Amino acid sequence: MEKLINKPTQCDKILKVLEDNTGEWVNGRYFVQTMMISQYHARIFELQDKGYNIESSEFKDDFGFKSYRLKPSETLF
């Protein structure tokens, strides 16, 4: 009998990095050079469409990459 292995998607991988660094900026170059995800913009847009509050920086680094961060959830009590 075959076992199905669910590999994390690119969205899953990006979300994990952003969650591990909630509130901190993660440079887009990290997604390209370290995670080997060249179309990270599209994956971030997918996550935003799913309701994740991901903010992009107004500034770019020397190589033209923006940074992104997952804004902490606001809970109402």
N, C-alpha and C. Protein backbone atom coordinates (compact mmCIF):
# COMPACT_ATOMS: atom_id res chain seq x y z
N MET A 1 0.84 -1.18 0.00
CA MET A 1 0.00 0.00 0.00
C MET A 1 0.88 1.25 0.00
N GLU A 2 0.54 2.20 -0.84
CA GLU A 2 1.33 3.43 -0.94
C GLU A 2 0.92 4.43 0.13
N LYS A 3 1.91 5.11 0.65
CA LYS A 3 1.65 6.19 1.59
C LYS A 3 1.78 7.51 0.86
N LEU A 4 0.83 8.37 1.06
CA LEU A 4 0.91 9.70 0.47
C LEU A 4 1.63 10.62 1.44
N ILE A 5 2.61 11.31 0.92
CA ILE A 5 3.37 12.26 1.73
C ILE A 5 2.98 13.65 1.28
N ASN A 6 2.46 14.41 2.22
CA ASN A 6 2.08 15.78 1.91
C ASN A 6 3.28 16.69 2.10
N LYS A 7 3.83 17.15 1.00
CA LYS A 7 4.95 18.08 1.06
C LYS A 7 4.39 19.48 1.24
N PRO A 8 5.07 20.30 2.02
CA PRO A 8 4.60 21.68 2.18
C PRO A 8 4.68 22.43 0.86
N THR A 9 3.68 23.24 0.60
CA THR A 9 3.67 24.06 -0.61
C THR A 9 4.59 25.26 -0.42
N GLN A 10 4.83 26.00 -1.49
CA GLN A 10 5.62 27.22 -1.37
C GLN A 10 4.93 28.22 -0.44
N CYS A 11 3.61 28.28 -0.52
CA CYS A 11 2.87 29.16 0.40
C CYS A 11 3.09 28.73 1.85
N ASP A 12 3.05 27.43 2.10
CA ASP A 12 3.27 26.92 3.46
C ASP A 12 4.65 27.31 3.97
N LYS A 13 5.64 27.18 3.10
CA LYS A 13 7.02 27.48 3.49
C LYS A 13 7.20 28.96 3.79
N ILE A 14 6.63 29.81 2.94
CA ILE A 14 6.73 31.25 3.16
C ILE A 14 5.99 31.65 4.42
N LEU A 15 4.80 31.11 4.62
CA LEU A 15 4.02 31.43 5.81
C LEU A 15 4.77 31.02 7.08
N LYS A 16 5.41 29.88 7.06
CA LYS A 16 6.18 29.40 8.23
C LYS A 16 7.28 30.40 8.58
N VAL A 17 8.01 30.87 7.57
CA VAL A 17 9.07 31.85 7.81
C VAL A 17 8.48 33.14 8.38
N LEU A 18 7.39 33.60 7.79
CA LEU A 18 6.77 34.84 8.28
C LEU A 18 6.21 34.66 9.69
N GLU A 19 5.62 33.51 9.98
CA GLU A 19 5.10 33.25 11.33
C GLU A 19 6.22 33.17 12.35
N ASP A 20 7.32 32.54 11.97
CA ASP A 20 8.46 32.43 12.89
C ASP A 20 9.08 33.80 13.18
N ASN A 21 8.81 34.76 12.32
CA ASN A 21 9.35 36.11 12.47
C ASN A 21 8.25 37.16 12.54
N THR A 22 7.12 36.81 13.14
CA THR A 22 5.96 37.71 13.19
C THR A 22 6.36 39.09 13.69
N GLY A 23 5.98 40.09 12.91
CA GLY A 23 6.28 41.47 13.26
C GLY A 23 7.64 41.95 12.78
N GLU A 24 8.50 41.02 12.37
CA GLU A 24 9.84 41.36 11.88
C GLU A 24 9.85 41.31 10.36
N TRP A 25 10.66 42.14 9.75
CA TRP A 25 10.77 42.17 8.30
C TRP A 25 11.62 41.01 7.80
N VAL A 26 11.15 40.36 6.73
CA VAL A 26 11.90 39.30 6.05
C VAL A 26 12.13 39.79 4.63
N ASN A 27 13.39 39.88 4.23
CA ASN A 27 13.72 40.40 2.92
C ASN A 27 13.36 39.39 1.84
N GLY A 28 12.81 39.88 0.73
CA GLY A 28 12.43 39.02 -0.39
C GLY A 28 13.59 38.22 -0.95
N ARG A 29 14.79 38.74 -0.82
CA ARG A 29 15.97 38.02 -1.29
C ARG A 29 16.13 36.68 -0.57
N TYR A 30 15.69 36.61 0.68
CA TYR A 30 15.75 35.35 1.43
C TYR A 30 14.92 34.27 0.74
N PHE A 31 13.74 34.64 0.26
CA PHE A 31 12.87 33.67 -0.40
C PHE A 31 13.50 33.16 -1.69
N VAL A 32 14.21 34.03 -2.39
CA VAL A 32 14.82 33.65 -3.66
C VAL A 32 16.10 32.86 -3.44
N GLN A 33 17.01 33.39 -2.65
CA GLN A 33 18.34 32.80 -2.53
C GLN A 33 18.40 31.61 -1.58
N THR A 34 17.68 31.67 -0.48
CA THR A 34 17.75 30.60 0.51
C THR A 34 16.69 29.54 0.29
N MET A 35 15.46 29.98 -0.01
CA MET A 35 14.35 29.03 -0.15
C MET A 35 14.13 28.60 -1.60
N MET A 36 14.81 29.27 -2.54
CA MET A 36 14.71 28.95 -3.96
C MET A 36 13.28 29.09 -4.49
N ILE A 37 12.58 30.13 -4.05
CA ILE A 37 11.22 30.42 -4.51
C ILE A 37 11.29 31.71 -5.32
N SER A 38 11.36 31.58 -6.64
CA SER A 38 11.55 32.76 -7.48
C SER A 38 10.27 33.58 -7.62
N GLN A 39 9.12 32.95 -7.54
CA GLN A 39 7.85 33.66 -7.69
C GLN A 39 7.19 33.91 -6.32
N TYR A 40 8.00 34.35 -5.37
CA TYR A 40 7.49 34.56 -4.02
C TYR A 40 6.41 35.63 -3.96
N HIS A 41 6.47 36.62 -4.86
CA HIS A 41 5.43 37.66 -4.88
C HIS A 41 4.05 37.03 -5.05
N ALA A 42 3.95 36.10 -6.01
CA ALA A 42 2.66 35.45 -6.29
C ALA A 42 2.19 34.65 -5.08
N ARG A 43 3.12 33.99 -4.40
CA ARG A 43 2.74 33.20 -3.22
C ARG A 43 2.28 34.12 -2.09
N ILE A 44 2.92 35.27 -1.93
CA ILE A 44 2.51 36.22 -0.90
C ILE A 44 1.12 36.76 -1.22
N PHE A 45 0.85 37.05 -2.49
CA PHE A 45 -0.49 37.50 -2.88
C PHE A 45 -1.52 36.42 -2.60
N GLU A 46 -1.18 35.15 -2.84
CA GLU A 46 -2.10 34.05 -2.53
C GLU A 46 -2.42 34.02 -1.05
N LEU A 47 -1.39 34.19 -0.22
CA LEU A 47 -1.61 34.19 1.23
C LEU A 47 -2.47 35.37 1.65
N GLN A 48 -2.25 36.53 1.04
CA GLN A 48 -3.07 37.70 1.35
C GLN A 48 -4.53 37.45 0.94
N ASP A 49 -4.73 36.80 -0.20
CA ASP A 49 -6.09 36.46 -0.64
C ASP A 49 -6.78 35.51 0.32
N LYS A 50 -5.97 34.69 1.02
CA LYS A 50 -6.53 33.76 2.00
C LYS A 50 -6.79 34.44 3.34
N GLY A 51 -6.45 35.72 3.44
CA GLY A 51 -6.76 36.48 4.65
C GLY A 51 -5.59 36.77 5.56
N TYR A 52 -4.38 36.38 5.19
CA TYR A 52 -3.22 36.67 6.03
C TYR A 52 -2.84 38.13 5.85
N ASN A 53 -2.56 38.79 6.96
CA ASN A 53 -2.24 40.20 6.95
C ASN A 53 -0.72 40.37 6.77
N ILE A 54 -0.29 40.34 5.52
CA ILE A 54 1.12 40.46 5.19
C ILE A 54 1.36 41.84 4.60
N GLU A 55 2.29 42.54 5.20
CA GLU A 55 2.61 43.91 4.79
C GLU A 55 3.92 43.91 4.01
N SER A 56 3.99 44.71 2.97
CA SER A 56 5.25 44.87 2.25
C SER A 56 5.85 46.22 2.59
N SER A 57 7.16 46.27 2.59
CA SER A 57 7.85 47.51 2.96
C SER A 57 7.76 48.53 1.83
N GLU A 58 7.92 49.77 2.20
CA GLU A 58 7.94 50.85 1.22
C GLU A 58 9.33 50.97 0.59
N PHE A 59 10.32 50.44 1.27
CA PHE A 59 11.70 50.58 0.83
C PHE A 59 12.18 49.29 0.15
N LYS A 60 13.22 49.42 -0.66
CA LYS A 60 13.87 48.27 -1.29
C LYS A 60 15.33 48.27 -0.88
N ASP A 61 15.92 47.07 -0.84
CA ASP A 61 17.34 46.99 -0.52
C ASP A 61 18.18 47.37 -1.74
N ASP A 62 19.48 47.25 -1.62
CA ASP A 62 20.38 47.63 -2.72
C ASP A 62 20.19 46.79 -3.97
N PHE A 63 19.56 45.62 -3.84
CA PHE A 63 19.35 44.73 -4.96
C PHE A 63 17.93 44.82 -5.52
N GLY A 64 17.10 45.70 -4.95
CA GLY A 64 15.75 45.92 -5.45
C GLY A 64 14.68 45.05 -4.81
N PHE A 65 15.01 44.38 -3.71
CA PHE A 65 14.05 43.51 -3.03
C PHE A 65 13.34 44.26 -1.92
N LYS A 66 12.03 44.11 -1.86
CA LYS A 66 11.25 44.61 -0.73
C LYS A 66 11.30 43.59 0.39
N SER A 67 10.89 44.00 1.56
CA SER A 67 10.76 43.10 2.71
C SER A 67 9.29 42.93 3.04
N TYR A 68 8.98 41.85 3.74
CA TYR A 68 7.60 41.51 4.08
C TYR A 68 7.54 41.08 5.53
N ARG A 69 6.37 41.30 6.12
CA ARG A 69 6.16 40.83 7.49
C ARG A 69 4.70 40.47 7.68
N LEU A 70 4.51 39.53 8.56
CA LEU A 70 3.18 39.11 8.98
C LEU A 70 2.82 39.93 10.20
N LYS A 71 1.78 40.70 10.07
CA LYS A 71 1.36 41.53 11.19
C LYS A 71 0.65 40.65 12.21
N PRO A 72 0.93 40.86 13.48
CA PRO A 72 0.29 40.05 14.52
C PRO A 72 -1.23 40.19 14.48
N SER A 73 -1.91 39.12 14.81
CA SER A 73 -3.37 39.15 14.84
C SER A 73 -3.82 40.05 15.97
N GLU A 74 -4.87 40.79 15.70
CA GLU A 74 -5.44 41.65 16.73
C GLU A 74 -6.64 40.91 17.31
N THR A 75 -6.59 40.70 18.60
CA THR A 75 -7.71 40.02 19.26
C THR A 75 -8.50 41.04 20.06
N LEU A 76 -9.79 40.88 20.02
CA LEU A 76 -10.66 41.77 20.78
C LEU A 76 -11.24 41.01 21.97
N PHE A 77 -11.15 41.64 23.14
CA PHE A 77 -11.68 41.02 24.35
C PHE A 77 -12.74 41.89 24.94
